């Protein structure tokens, strides 16, 4: 049985877990949320590091 998935990623994982018990589904959603939060924190950290690096370069130039 093949099924078409409209959009890739979290939604499909949650839907797959939804076939199991409600508790398992909740765990899956929590794990995905933790993953999102961690990814967001990392990307924000990289943005902040890049800004500081740019400021260091600019202050060195002046």
Protein backbone atom coordinates (compact mmCIF):
# COMPACT_ATOMS: atom_id res chain seq x y z
CA UNK A 1 0.00 0.00 0.00
CA UNK A 2 1.54 3.26 -1.10
CA UNK A 3 0.30 6.55 0.15
CA UNK A 4 1.11 10.00 -1.11
CA UNK A 5 2.30 12.46 1.47
CA UNK A 6 1.46 16.08 0.76
CA UNK A 7 4.29 17.67 2.67
CA UNK A 8 7.48 16.10 3.97
CA UNK A 9 8.67 16.31 7.53
CA UNK A 10 7.16 16.45 10.97
CA UNK A 11 3.50 16.30 10.00
CA UNK A 12 3.89 12.89 8.39
CA UNK A 13 5.85 11.51 11.32
CA UNK A 14 3.16 12.69 13.70
CA UNK A 15 0.50 11.13 11.49
CA UNK A 16 2.36 7.79 11.46
CA UNK A 17 2.71 7.86 15.23
CA UNK A 18 -0.96 8.76 15.47
CA UNK A 19 -1.83 5.23 14.39
CA UNK A 20 -0.29 3.97 17.60
CA UNK A 21 -1.51 4.81 21.06
CA UNK A 22 -2.22 8.39 22.04
CA UNK A 23 0.65 8.36 24.52
CA UNK A 24 3.14 7.29 21.84
CA UNK A 25 1.86 10.04 19.59
CA UNK A 26 2.33 12.61 22.36
CA UNK A 27 5.91 11.41 22.87
CA UNK A 28 6.56 11.73 19.14
CA UNK A 29 5.21 15.29 19.06
CA UNK A 30 7.29 16.25 22.09
CA UNK A 31 10.44 14.84 20.51
CA UNK A 32 9.78 16.77 17.31
CA UNK A 33 9.18 19.96 19.27
CA UNK A 34 12.43 19.47 21.19
CA UNK A 35 14.22 18.93 17.89
CA UNK A 36 12.73 22.13 16.47
CA UNK A 37 13.71 24.10 19.56
CA UNK A 38 17.26 22.78 19.46
CA UNK A 39 17.55 23.53 15.75
CA UNK A 40 16.22 27.03 16.29
CA UNK A 41 18.65 27.67 19.15
CA UNK A 42 21.57 26.49 17.04
CA UNK A 43 20.60 28.66 14.07
CA UNK A 44 20.07 31.71 16.31
CA UNK A 45 23.45 31.07 17.92
CA UNK A 46 25.09 30.93 14.49
CA UNK A 47 23.42 34.20 13.49
CA UNK A 48 24.66 35.84 16.70
CA UNK A 49 28.21 34.51 16.19
CA UNK A 50 28.20 35.77 12.60
CA UNK A 51 27.09 39.23 13.75
CA UNK A 52 29.82 39.41 16.38
CA UNK A 53 32.40 38.21 13.87
CA UNK A 54 31.30 40.90 11.41
CA UNK A 55 31.50 43.57 14.14
CA UNK A 56 35.02 42.40 15.02
CA UNK A 57 36.07 42.67 11.37
CA UNK A 58 34.53 46.14 11.05
CA UNK A 59 36.16 47.44 14.24
CA UNK A 60 39.52 46.05 13.05
CA UNK A 61 39.14 47.89 9.74
CA UNK A 62 38.52 51.28 11.37
